[in-house]
Amino acid sequence: MKTPCVAKCKNNEGICGGCFRTMSEITEWRHMNDVKQSDTIDEIQGERSTHICSQCGKPAYCDISAGKSTCWCFELTKRDTSGVKSPECLCRECLAKLPLLN
């Protein structure tokens, strides 16, 4: 499967600012089978979701809500979520925009 890279790569403290894959998803990409690659793209793009992002209103995906013990967001440098009104997880794009915790 073709990579979702959009040639706007920038490591934004654990998440790519272009395609919104985590750094581990990027490094593991070539070892993933087609199903795992497709699932990852669907989760990033909101085609496969567990809830609606409280910031932008778009579909979002949380690994914990999907029954896993950890989530993709655990890989990221912690963000300041003090301005987030809902306890629900944010989508990758909105989470990437939040400032880092000091």
PDB file of N, CA and C in Angstrom:
ATOM      1  N   MET A   1       0.848  -1.173   0.000  1.00  0.00           N
ATOM      2  CA  MET A   1       0.000   0.000   0.000  1.00  0.00           C
ATOM      3  C   MET A   1       0.895   1.238   0.000  1.00  0.00           C
ATOM      4  N   LYS A   2       0.417   2.260  -0.639  1.00  0.00           N
ATOM      5  CA  LYS A   2       1.148   3.513  -0.717  1.00  0.00           C
ATOM      6  C   LYS A   2       1.126   4.225   0.640  1.00  0.00           C
ATOM      7  N   THR A   3       2.211   4.867   0.980  1.00  0.00           N
ATOM      8  CA  THR A   3       2.305   5.628   2.219  1.00  0.00           C
ATOM      9  C   THR A   3       1.358   6.843   2.183  1.00  0.00           C
ATOM     10  N   PRO A   4       0.815   7.246   3.327  1.00  0.00           N
ATOM     11  CA  PRO A   4      -0.049   8.438   3.363  1.00  0.00           C
ATOM     12  C   PRO A   4       0.736   9.739   3.454  1.00  0.00           C
ATOM     13  N   CYS A   5       2.051   9.673   3.311  1.00  0.00           N
ATOM     14  CA  CYS A   5       2.897  10.861   3.396  1.00  0.00           C
ATOM     15  C   CYS A   5       2.434  11.902   2.378  1.00  0.00           C
ATOM     16  N   VAL A   6       2.374  13.148   2.826  1.00  0.00           N
ATOM     17  CA  VAL A   6       1.975  14.242   1.935  1.00  0.00           C
ATOM     18  C   VAL A   6       3.138  15.213   1.700  1.00  0.00           C
ATOM     19  N   ALA A   7       4.358  14.757   1.990  1.00  0.00           N
ATOM     20  CA  ALA A   7       5.587  15.528   1.779  1.00  0.00           C
ATOM     21  C   ALA A   7       5.595  16.850   2.535  1.00  0.00           C
ATOM     22  N   LYS A   8       4.974  16.866   3.701  1.00  0.00           N
ATOM     23  CA  LYS A   8       5.013  18.019   4.598  1.00  0.00           C
ATOM     24  C   LYS A   8       5.489  17.531   5.959  1.00  0.00           C
ATOM     25  N   CYS A   9       6.483  16.661   5.929  1.00  0.00           N
ATOM     26  CA  CYS A   9       6.956  15.984   7.133  1.00  0.00           C
ATOM     27  C   CYS A   9       7.579  16.944   8.130  1.00  0.00           C
ATOM     28  N   LYS A  10       7.132  16.838   9.356  1.00  0.00           N
ATOM     29  CA  LYS A  10       7.724  17.569  10.467  1.00  0.00           C
ATOM     30  C   LYS A  10       7.344  16.829  11.730  1.00  0.00           C
ATOM     31  N   ASN A  11       8.345  16.389  12.473  1.00  0.00           N
ATOM     32  CA  ASN A  11       8.082  15.703  13.729  1.00  0.00           C
ATOM     33  C   ASN A  11       7.611  16.728  14.749  1.00  0.00           C
ATOM     34  N   ASN A  12       6.336  16.714  15.010  1.00  0.00           N
ATOM     35  CA  ASN A  12       5.720  17.634  15.958  1.00  0.00           C
ATOM     36  C   ASN A  12       5.620  16.932  17.314  1.00  0.00           C
ATOM     37  N   GLU A  13       6.789  16.674  17.917  1.00  0.00           N
ATOM     38  CA  GLU A  13       6.869  16.024  19.225  1.00  0.00           C
ATOM     39  C   GLU A  13       6.105  14.704  19.269  1.00  0.00           C
ATOM     40  N   GLY A  14       6.367  13.863  18.265  1.00  0.00           N
ATOM     41  CA  GLY A  14       5.819  12.507  18.254  1.00  0.00           C
ATOM     42  C   GLY A  14       4.779  12.234  17.193  1.00  0.00           C
ATOM     43  N   ILE A  15       4.325  13.286  16.506  1.00  0.00           N
ATOM     44  CA  ILE A  15       3.322  13.099  15.450  1.00  0.00           C
ATOM     45  C   ILE A  15       3.740  13.928  14.237  1.00  0.00           C
ATOM     46  N   CYS A  16       3.590  13.364  13.057  1.00  0.00           N
ATOM     47  CA  CYS A  16       3.967  14.071  11.844  1.00  0.00           C
ATOM     48  C   CYS A  16       2.962  15.194  11.574  1.00  0.00           C
ATOM     49  N   GLY A  17       3.467  16.378  11.331  1.00  0.00           N
ATOM     50  CA  GLY A  17       2.614  17.522  11.032  1.00  0.00           C
ATOM     51  C   GLY A  17       1.976  17.462   9.654  1.00  0.00           C
ATOM     52  N   GLY A  18       2.405  16.514   8.822  1.00  0.00           N
ATOM     53  CA  GLY A  18       1.831  16.383   7.478  1.00  0.00           C
ATOM     54  C   GLY A  18       0.761  15.311   7.398  1.00  0.00           C
ATOM     55  N   CYS A  19       1.128  14.073   7.751  1.00  0.00           N
ATOM     56  CA  CYS A  19       0.190  12.950   7.596  1.00  0.00           C
ATOM     57  C   CYS A  19      -0.452  12.527   8.912  1.00  0.00           C
ATOM     58  N   PHE A  20       0.013  13.051  10.039  1.00  0.00           N
ATOM     59  CA  PHE A  20      -0.504  12.778  11.380  1.00  0.00           C
ATOM     60  C   PHE A  20      -0.292  11.346  11.862  1.00  0.00           C
ATOM     61  N   ARG A  21       0.689  10.655  11.250  1.00  0.00           N
ATOM     62  CA  ARG A  21       1.080   9.367  11.810  1.00  0.00           C
ATOM     63  C   ARG A  21       2.033   9.623  12.973  1.00  0.00           C
ATOM     64  N   THR A  22       2.037   8.700  13.938  1.00  0.00           N
ATOM     65  CA  THR A  22       3.015   8.792  15.018  1.00  0.00           C
ATOM     66  C   THR A  22       4.367   8.369  14.456  1.00  0.00           C
ATOM     67  N   MET A  23       5.416   8.690  15.174  1.00  0.00           N
ATOM     68  CA  MET A  23       6.752   8.319  14.712  1.00  0.00           C
ATOM     69  C   MET A  23       6.892   6.796  14.629  1.00  0.00           C
ATOM     70  N   SER A  24       6.295   6.053  15.544  1.00  0.00           N
ATOM     71  CA  SER A  24       6.384   4.596  15.457  1.00  0.00           C
ATOM     72  C   SER A  24       5.586   4.061  14.265  1.00  0.00           C
ATOM     73  N   GLU A  25       4.459   4.685  13.944  1.00  0.00           N
ATOM     74  CA  GLU A  25       3.704   4.257  12.753  1.00  0.00           C
ATOM     75  C   GLU A  25       4.529   4.487  11.490  1.00  0.00           C
ATOM     76  N   ILE A  26       5.255   5.585  11.452  1.00  0.00           N
ATOM     77  CA  ILE A  26       6.095   5.870  10.287  1.00  0.00           C
ATOM     78  C   ILE A  26       7.223   4.853  10.174  1.00  0.00           C
ATOM     79  N   THR A  27       7.909   4.585  11.283  1.00  0.00           N
ATOM     80  CA  THR A  27       9.033   3.651  11.223  1.00  0.00           C
ATOM     81  C   THR A  27       8.586   2.209  11.006  1.00  0.00           C
ATOM     82  N   GLU A  28       7.403   1.853  11.465  1.00  0.00           N
ATOM     83  CA  GLU A  28       6.900   0.484  11.309  1.00  0.00           C
ATOM     84  C   GLU A  28       6.137   0.282  10.001  1.00  0.00           C
ATOM     85  N   TRP A  29       5.872   1.349   9.268  1.00  0.00           N
ATOM     86  CA  TRP A  29       5.009   1.308   8.094  1.00  0.00           C
ATOM     87  C   TRP A  29       5.371   0.187   7.119  1.00  0.00           C
ATOM     88  N   ARG A  30       6.636   0.078   6.789  1.00  0.00           N
ATOM     89  CA  ARG A  30       7.038  -0.916   5.780  1.00  0.00           C
ATOM     90  C   ARG A  30       6.920  -2.348   6.285  1.00  0.00           C
ATOM     91  N   HIS A  31       6.773  -2.520   7.590  1.00  0.00           N
ATOM     92  CA  HIS A  31       6.614  -3.857   8.172  1.00  0.00           C
ATOM     93  C   HIS A  31       5.143  -4.215   8.409  1.00  0.00           C
ATOM     94  N   MET A  32       4.253  -3.248   8.251  1.00  0.00           N
ATOM     95  CA  MET A  32       2.817  -3.495   8.432  1.00  0.00           C
ATOM     96  C   MET A  32       2.253  -4.194   7.206  1.00  0.00           C
ATOM     97  N   ASN A  33       1.285  -5.080   7.432  1.00  0.00           N
ATOM     98  CA  ASN A  33       0.612  -5.681   6.287  1.00  0.00           C
ATOM     99  C   ASN A  33      -0.408  -4.671   5.737  1.00  0.00           C
ATOM    100  N   ASP A  34      -0.986  -4.987   4.587  1.00  0.00           N
ATOM    101  CA  ASP A  34      -1.917  -4.058   3.932  1.00  0.00           C
ATOM    102  C   ASP A  34      -3.113  -3.715   4.807  1.00  0.00           C
ATOM    103  N   VAL A  35      -3.611  -4.684   5.560  1.00  0.00           N
ATOM    104  CA  VAL A  35      -4.779  -4.446   6.421  1.00  0.00           C
ATOM    105  C   VAL A  35      -4.434  -3.440   7.514  1.00  0.00           C
ATOM    106  N   LYS A  36      -3.295  -3.623   8.175  1.00  0.00           N
ATOM    107  CA  LYS A  36      -2.881  -2.703   9.246  1.00  0.00           C
ATOM    108  C   LYS A  36      -2.624  -1.309   8.678  1.00  0.00           C
ATOM    109  N   GLN A  37      -2.008  -1.217   7.508  1.00  0.00           N
ATOM    110  CA  GLN A  37      -1.780   0.085   6.883  1.00  0.00           C
ATOM    111  C   GLN A  37      -3.109   0.766   6.568  1.00  0.00           C
ATOM    112  N   SER A  38      -4.028   0.009   6.004  1.00  0.00           N
ATOM    113  CA  SER A  38      -5.342   0.552   5.656  1.00  0.00           C
ATOM    114  C   SER A  38      -6.093   1.002   6.906  1.00  0.00           C
ATOM    115  N   ASP A  39      -6.046   0.193   7.961  1.00  0.00           N
ATOM    116  CA  ASP A  39      -6.702   0.563   9.216  1.00  0.00           C
ATOM    117  C   ASP A  39      -6.115   1.850   9.782  1.00  0.00           C
ATOM    118  N   THR A  40      -4.796   1.982   9.737  1.00  0.00           N
ATOM    119  CA  THR A  40      -4.132   3.176  10.256  1.00  0.00           C
ATOM    120  C   THR A  40      -4.569   4.410   9.483  1.00  0.00           C
ATOM    121  N   ILE A  41      -4.592   4.326   8.177  1.00  0.00           N
ATOM    122  CA  ILE A  41      -5.041   5.453   7.354  1.00  0.00           C
ATOM    123  C   ILE A  41      -6.499   5.793   7.663  1.00  0.00           C
ATOM    124  N   ASP A  42      -7.343   4.771   7.769  1.00  0.00           N
ATOM    125  CA  ASP A  42      -8.757   5.000   8.074  1.00  0.00           C
ATOM    126  C   ASP A  42      -8.941   5.686   9.431  1.00  0.00           C
ATOM    127  N   GLU A  43      -8.144   5.305  10.416  1.00  0.00           N
ATOM    128  CA  GLU A  43      -8.220   5.929  11.739  1.00  0.00           C
ATOM    129  C   GLU A  43      -7.780   7.389  11.669  1.00  0.00           C
ATOM    130  N   ILE A  44      -6.709   7.667  10.963  1.00  0.00           N
ATOM    131  CA  ILE A  44      -6.207   9.034  10.831  1.00  0.00           C
ATOM    132  C   ILE A  44      -7.212   9.922  10.109  1.00  0.00           C
ATOM    133  N   GLN A  45      -7.811   9.403   9.060  1.00  0.00           N
ATOM    134  CA  GLN A  45      -8.723  10.196   8.234  1.00  0.00           C
ATOM    135  C   GLN A  45     -10.164  10.194   8.736  1.00  0.00           C
ATOM    136  N   GLY A  46     -10.442   9.462   9.813  1.00  0.00           N
ATOM    137  CA  GLY A  46     -11.790   9.462  10.378  1.00  0.00           C
ATOM    138  C   GLY A  46     -12.760   8.505   9.714  1.00  0.00           C
ATOM    139  N   GLU A  47     -12.267   7.667   8.810  1.00  0.00           N
ATOM    140  CA  GLU A  47     -13.129   6.676   8.175  1.00  0.00           C
ATOM    141  C   GLU A  47     -13.488   5.560   9.162  1.00  0.00           C
ATOM    142  N   ARG A  48     -12.617   5.360  10.124  1.00  0.00           N
ATOM    143  CA  ARG A  48     -12.815   4.394  11.205  1.00  0.00           C
ATOM    144  C   ARG A  48     -12.689   5.210  12.487  1.00  0.00           C
ATOM    145  N   SER A  49     -13.775   5.334  13.251  1.00  0.00           N
ATOM    146  CA  SER A  49     -13.729   6.210  14.417  1.00  0.00           C
ATOM    147  C   SER A  49     -14.423   5.580  15.625  1.00  0.00           C
ATOM    148  N   THR A  50     -14.102   6.118  16.782  1.00  0.00           N
ATOM    149  CA  THR A  50     -14.728   5.680  18.024  1.00  0.00           C
ATOM    150  C   THR A  50     -15.590   6.781  18.634  1.00  0.00           C
ATOM    151  N   HIS A  51     -15.394   8.016  18.196  1.00  0.00           N
ATOM    152  CA  HIS A  51     -16.134   9.145  18.741  1.00  0.00           C
ATOM    153  C   HIS A  51     -15.936  10.378  17.851  1.00  0.00           C
ATOM    154  N   ILE A  52     -16.535  11.480  18.263  1.00  0.00           N
ATOM    155  CA  ILE A  52     -16.388  12.754  17.553  1.00  0.00           C
ATOM    156  C   ILE A  52     -15.442  13.647  18.345  1.00  0.00           C
ATOM    157  N   CYS A  53     -14.495  14.265  17.664  1.00  0.00           N
ATOM    158  CA  CYS A  53     -13.546  15.175  18.299  1.00  0.00           C
ATOM    159  C   CYS A  53     -14.302  16.390  18.849  1.00  0.00           C
ATOM    160  N   SER A  54     -14.084  16.696  20.120  1.00  0.00           N
ATOM    161  CA  SER A  54     -14.794  17.812  20.745  1.00  0.00           C
ATOM    162  C   SER A  54     -14.304  19.178  20.263  1.00  0.00           C
ATOM    163  N   GLN A  55     -13.138  19.221  19.649  1.00  0.00           N
ATOM    164  CA  GLN A  55     -12.593  20.494  19.165  1.00  0.00           C
ATOM    165  C   GLN A  55     -13.132  20.855  17.786  1.00  0.00           C
ATOM    166  N   CYS A  56     -13.083  19.901  16.851  1.00  0.00           N
ATOM    167  CA  CYS A  56     -13.440  20.226  15.463  1.00  0.00           C
ATOM    168  C   CYS A  56     -14.732  19.566  14.987  1.00  0.00           C
ATOM    169  N   GLY A  57     -15.243  18.604  15.739  1.00  0.00           N
ATOM    170  CA  GLY A  57     -16.491  17.948  15.361  1.00  0.00           C
ATOM    171  C   GLY A  57     -16.344  16.858  14.313  1.00  0.00           C
ATOM    172  N   LYS A  58     -15.097  16.484  14.002  1.00  0.00           N
ATOM    173  CA  LYS A  58     -14.853  15.431  13.012  1.00  0.00           C
ATOM    174  C   LYS A  58     -14.673  14.088  13.722  1.00  0.00           C
ATOM    175  N   PRO A  59     -14.848  12.990  12.994  1.00  0.00           N
ATOM    176  CA  PRO A  59     -14.630  11.675  13.592  1.00  0.00           C
ATOM    177  C   PRO A  59     -13.190  11.518  14.076  1.00  0.00           C
ATOM    178  N   ALA A  60     -13.023  10.853  15.213  1.00  0.00           N
ATOM    179  CA  ALA A  60     -11.705  10.625  15.795  1.00  0.00           C
ATOM    180  C   ALA A  60     -11.618   9.172  16.257  1.00  0.00           C
ATOM    181  N   TYR A  61     -10.396   8.710  16.474  1.00  0.00           N
ATOM    182  CA  TYR A  61     -10.183   7.317  16.863  1.00  0.00           C
ATOM    183  C   TYR A  61      -9.325   7.238  18.118  1.00  0.00           C
ATOM    184  N   CYS A  62      -9.799   6.486  19.103  1.00  0.00           N
ATOM    185  CA  CYS A  62      -9.072   6.252  20.347  1.00  0.00           C
ATOM    186  C   CYS A  62      -8.875   4.750  20.500  1.00  0.00           C
ATOM    187  N   ASP A  63      -7.629   4.315  20.615  1.00  0.00           N
ATOM    188  CA  ASP A  63      -7.341   2.893  20.768  1.00  0.00           C
ATOM    189  C   ASP A  63      -7.966   2.318  22.036  1.00  0.00           C
ATOM    190  N   ILE A  64      -7.984   3.080  23.113  1.00  0.00           N
ATOM    191  CA  ILE A  64      -8.565   2.591  24.370  1.00  0.00           C
ATOM    192  C   ILE A  64     -10.067   2.403  24.211  1.00  0.00           C
ATOM    193  N   SER A  65     -10.736   3.359  23.588  1.00  0.00           N
ATOM    194  CA  SER A  65     -12.176   3.216  23.334  1.00  0.00           C
ATOM    195  C   SER A  65     -12.460   2.013  22.439  1.00  0.00           C
ATOM    196  N   ALA A  66     -11.477   1.645  21.625  1.00  0.00           N
ATOM    197  CA  ALA A  66     -11.628   0.489  20.730  1.00  0.00           C
ATOM    198  C   ALA A  66     -11.250  -0.817  21.430  1.00  0.00           C
ATOM    199  N   GLY A  67     -10.904  -0.742  22.726  1.00  0.00           N
ATOM    200  CA  GLY A  67     -10.642  -1.951  23.493  1.00  0.00           C
ATOM    201  C   GLY A  67      -9.189  -2.313  23.731  1.00  0.00           C
ATOM    202  N   LYS A  68      -8.269  -1.460  23.298  1.00  0.00           N
ATOM    203  CA  LYS A  68      -6.850  -1.747  23.527  1.00  0.00           C
ATOM    204  C   LYS A  68      -6.424  -1.202  24.891  1.00  0.00           C
ATOM    205  N   SER A  69      -5.269  -1.637  25.374  1.00  0.00           N
ATOM    206  CA  SER A  69      -4.792  -1.198  26.693  1.00  0.00           C
ATOM    207  C   SER A  69      -4.003   0.103  26.635  1.00  0.00           C
ATOM    208  N   THR A  70      -3.514   0.474  25.470  1.00  0.00           N
ATOM    209  CA  THR A  70      -2.798   1.741  25.287  1.00  0.00           C
ATOM    210  C   THR A  70      -3.349   2.439  24.054  1.00  0.00           C
ATOM    211  N   CYS A  71      -2.949   3.675  23.878  1.00  0.00           N
ATOM    212  CA  CYS A  71      -3.436   4.451  22.727  1.00  0.00           C
ATOM    213  C   CYS A  71      -2.261   5.073  21.984  1.00  0.00           C
ATOM    214  N   TRP A  72      -2.470   5.354  20.715  1.00  0.00           N
ATOM    215  CA  TRP A  72      -1.446   5.989  19.885  1.00  0.00           C
ATOM    216  C   TRP A  72      -0.972   7.304  20.510  1.00  0.00           C
ATOM    217  N   CYS A  73      -1.852   8.011  21.201  1.00  0.00           N
ATOM    218  CA  CYS A  73      -1.489   9.318  21.751  1.00  0.00           C
ATOM    219  C   CYS A  73      -0.503   9.213  22.915  1.00  0.00           C
ATOM    220  N   PHE A  74      -0.353   8.030  23.507  1.00  0.00           N
ATOM    221  CA  PHE A  74       0.598   7.848  24.603  1.00  0.00           C
ATOM    222  C   PHE A  74       2.036   8.042  24.120  1.00  0.00           C
ATOM    223  N   GLU A  75       2.262   7.910  22.815  1.00  0.00           N
ATOM    224  CA  GLU A  75       3.602   8.061  22.245  1.00  0.00           C
ATOM    225  C   GLU A  75       4.029   9.526  22.121  1.00  0.00           C
ATOM    226  N   LEU A  76       3.085  10.427  22.185  1.00  0.00           N
ATOM    227  CA  LEU A  76       3.360  11.842  21.953  1.00  0.00           C
ATOM    228  C   LEU A  76       3.846  12.543  23.209  1.00  0.00           C
ATOM    229  N   THR A  77       4.613  13.610  23.016  1.00  0.00           N
ATOM    230  CA  THR A  77       4.948  14.480  24.122  1.00  0.00           C
ATOM    231  C   THR A  77       3.641  15.069  24.634  1.00  0.00           C
ATOM    232  N   LYS A  78       3.502  15.156  25.949  1.00  0.00           N
ATOM    233  CA  LYS A  78       2.240  15.613  26.555  1.00  0.00           C
ATOM    234  C   LYS A  78       1.881  17.025  26.111  1.00  0.00           C
ATOM    235  N   ARG A  79       0.612  17.186  25.787  1.00  0.00           N
ATOM    236  CA  ARG A  79       0.075  18.482  25.368  1.00  0.00           C
ATOM    237  C   ARG A  79      -0.723  19.117  26.505  1.00  0.00           C
ATOM    238  N   ASP A  80      -0.894  20.431  26.431  1.00  0.00           N
ATOM    239  CA  ASP A  80      -1.698  21.159  27.402  1.00  0.00           C
ATOM    240  C   ASP A  80      -3.161  21.060  26.985  1.00  0.00           C
ATOM    241  N   THR A  81      -3.916  20.251  27.692  1.00  0.00           N
ATOM    242  CA  THR A  81      -5.332  20.053  27.377  1.00  0.00           C
ATOM    243  C   THR A  81      -6.236  20.855  28.313  1.00  0.00           C
ATOM    244  N   SER A  82      -5.668  21.802  29.052  1.00  0.00           N
ATOM    245  CA  SER A  82      -6.466  22.561  30.017  1.00  0.00           C
ATOM    246  C   SER A  82      -7.602  23.349  29.359  1.00  0.00           C
ATOM    247  N   GLY A  83      -7.452  23.707  28.104  1.00  0.00           N
ATOM    248  CA  GLY A  83      -8.502  24.441  27.411  1.00  0.00           C
ATOM    249  C   GLY A  83      -9.527  23.562  26.724  1.00  0.00           C
ATOM    250  N   VAL A  84      -9.350  22.251  26.810  1.00  0.00           N
ATOM    251  CA  VAL A  84     -10.274  21.311  26.177  1.00  0.00           C
ATOM    252  C   VAL A  84     -11.441  21.084  27.128  1.00  0.00           C
ATOM    253  N   LYS A  85     -12.648  21.343  26.647  1.00  0.00           N
ATOM    254  CA  LYS A  85     -13.831  21.284  27.507  1.00  0.00           C
ATOM    255  C   LYS A  85     -14.366  19.879  27.739  1.00  0.00           C
ATOM    256  N   SER A  86     -14.133  18.992  26.804  1.00  0.00           N
ATOM    257  CA  SER A  86     -14.687  17.643  26.897  1.00  0.00           C
ATOM    258  C   SER A  86     -13.612  16.652  27.318  1.00  0.00           C
ATOM    259  N   PRO A  87     -13.993  15.621  28.077  1.00  0.00           N
ATOM    260  CA  PRO A  87     -13.010  14.592  28.446  1.00  0.00           C
ATOM    261  C   PRO A  87     -12.696  13.633  27.297  1.00  0.00           C
ATOM    262  N   GLU A  88     -13.446  13.717  26.218  1.00  0.00           N
ATOM    263  CA  GLU A  88     -13.217  12.850  25.059  1.00  0.00           C
ATOM    264  C   GLU A  88     -11.870  13.151  24.412  1.00  0.00           C
ATOM    265  N   CYS A  89     -11.281  12.160  23.811  1.00  0.00           N
ATOM    266  CA  CYS A  89     -10.024  12.330  23.085  1.00  0.00           C
ATOM    267  C   CYS A  89     -10.235  13.240  21.878  1.00  0.00           C
ATOM    268  N   LEU A  90      -9.176  13.894  21.493  1.00  0.00           N
ATOM    269  CA  LEU A  90      -9.203  14.738  20.302  1.00  0.00           C
ATOM    270  C   LEU A  90      -8.737  13.940  19.095  1.00  0.00           C
ATOM    271  N   CYS A  91      -9.046  14.427  17.911  1.00  0.00           N
ATOM    272  CA  CYS A  91      -8.511  13.814  16.700  1.00  0.00           C
ATOM    273  C   CYS A  91      -7.018  14.143  16.622  1.00  0.00           C
ATOM    274  N   ARG A  92      -6.314  13.465  15.760  1.00  0.00           N
ATOM    275  CA  ARG A  92      -4.862  13.660  15.655  1.00  0.00           C
ATOM    276  C   ARG A  92      -4.504  15.084  15.271  1.00  0.00           C
ATOM    277  N   GLU A  93      -5.251  15.647  14.363  1.00  0.00           N
ATOM    278  CA  GLU A  93      -4.934  17.005  13.908  1.00  0.00           C
ATOM    279  C   GLU A  93      -5.097  18.020  15.028  1.00  0.00           C
ATOM    280  N   CYS A  94      -6.195  17.939  15.763  1.00  0.00           N
ATOM    281  CA  CYS A  94      -6.416  18.881  16.865  1.00  0.00           C
ATOM    282  C   CYS A  94      -5.427  18.672  18.003  1.00  0.00           C
ATOM    283  N   LEU A  95      -5.107  17.413  18.323  1.00  0.00           N
ATOM    284  CA  LEU A  95      -4.136  17.143  19.374  1.00  0.00           C
ATOM    285  C   LEU A  95      -2.763  17.682  18.987  1.00  0.00           C
ATOM    286  N   ALA A  96      -2.396  17.545  17.727  1.00  0.00           N
ATOM    287  CA  ALA A  96      -1.101  18.030  17.258  1.00  0.00           C
ATOM    288  C   ALA A  96      -0.987  19.549  17.360  1.00  0.00           C
ATOM    289  N   LYS A  97      -2.109  20.253  17.310  1.00  0.00           N
ATOM    290  CA  LYS A  97      -2.104  21.719  17.366  1.00  0.00           C
ATOM    291  C   LYS A  97      -1.954  22.266  18.787  1.00  0.00           C
ATOM    292  N   LEU A  98      -2.220  21.441  19.801  1.00  0.00           N
ATOM    293  CA  LEU A  98      -2.149  21.923  21.175  1.00  0.00           C
ATOM    294  C   LEU A  98      -0.708  22.219  21.589  1.00  0.00           C
ATOM    295  N   PRO A  99      -0.523  23.218  22.449  1.00  0.00           N
ATOM    296  CA  PRO A  99       0.825  23.509  22.927  1.00  0.00           C
ATOM    297  C   PRO A  99       1.334  22.390  23.842  1.00  0.00           C
ATOM    298  N   LEU A 100       2.637  22.268  23.907  1.00  0.00           N
ATOM    299  CA  LEU A 100       3.243  21.259  24.763  1.00  0.00           C
ATOM    300  C   LEU A 100       3.183  21.710  26.220  1.00  0.00           C
ATOM    301  N   LEU A 101       3.122  20.724  27.119  1.00  0.00           N
ATOM    302  CA  LEU A 101       3.206  21.034  28.540  1.00  0.00           C
ATOM    303  C   LEU A 101       4.641  21.413  28.875  1.00  0.00           C
ATOM    304  N   ASN A 102       4.809  22.328  29.758  1.00  0.00           N
ATOM    305  CA  ASN A 102       6.160  22.734  30.172  1.00  0.00           C
ATOM    306  C   ASN A 102       6.716  21.781  31.184  1.00  0.00           C
TER     307      ASN A 102
END
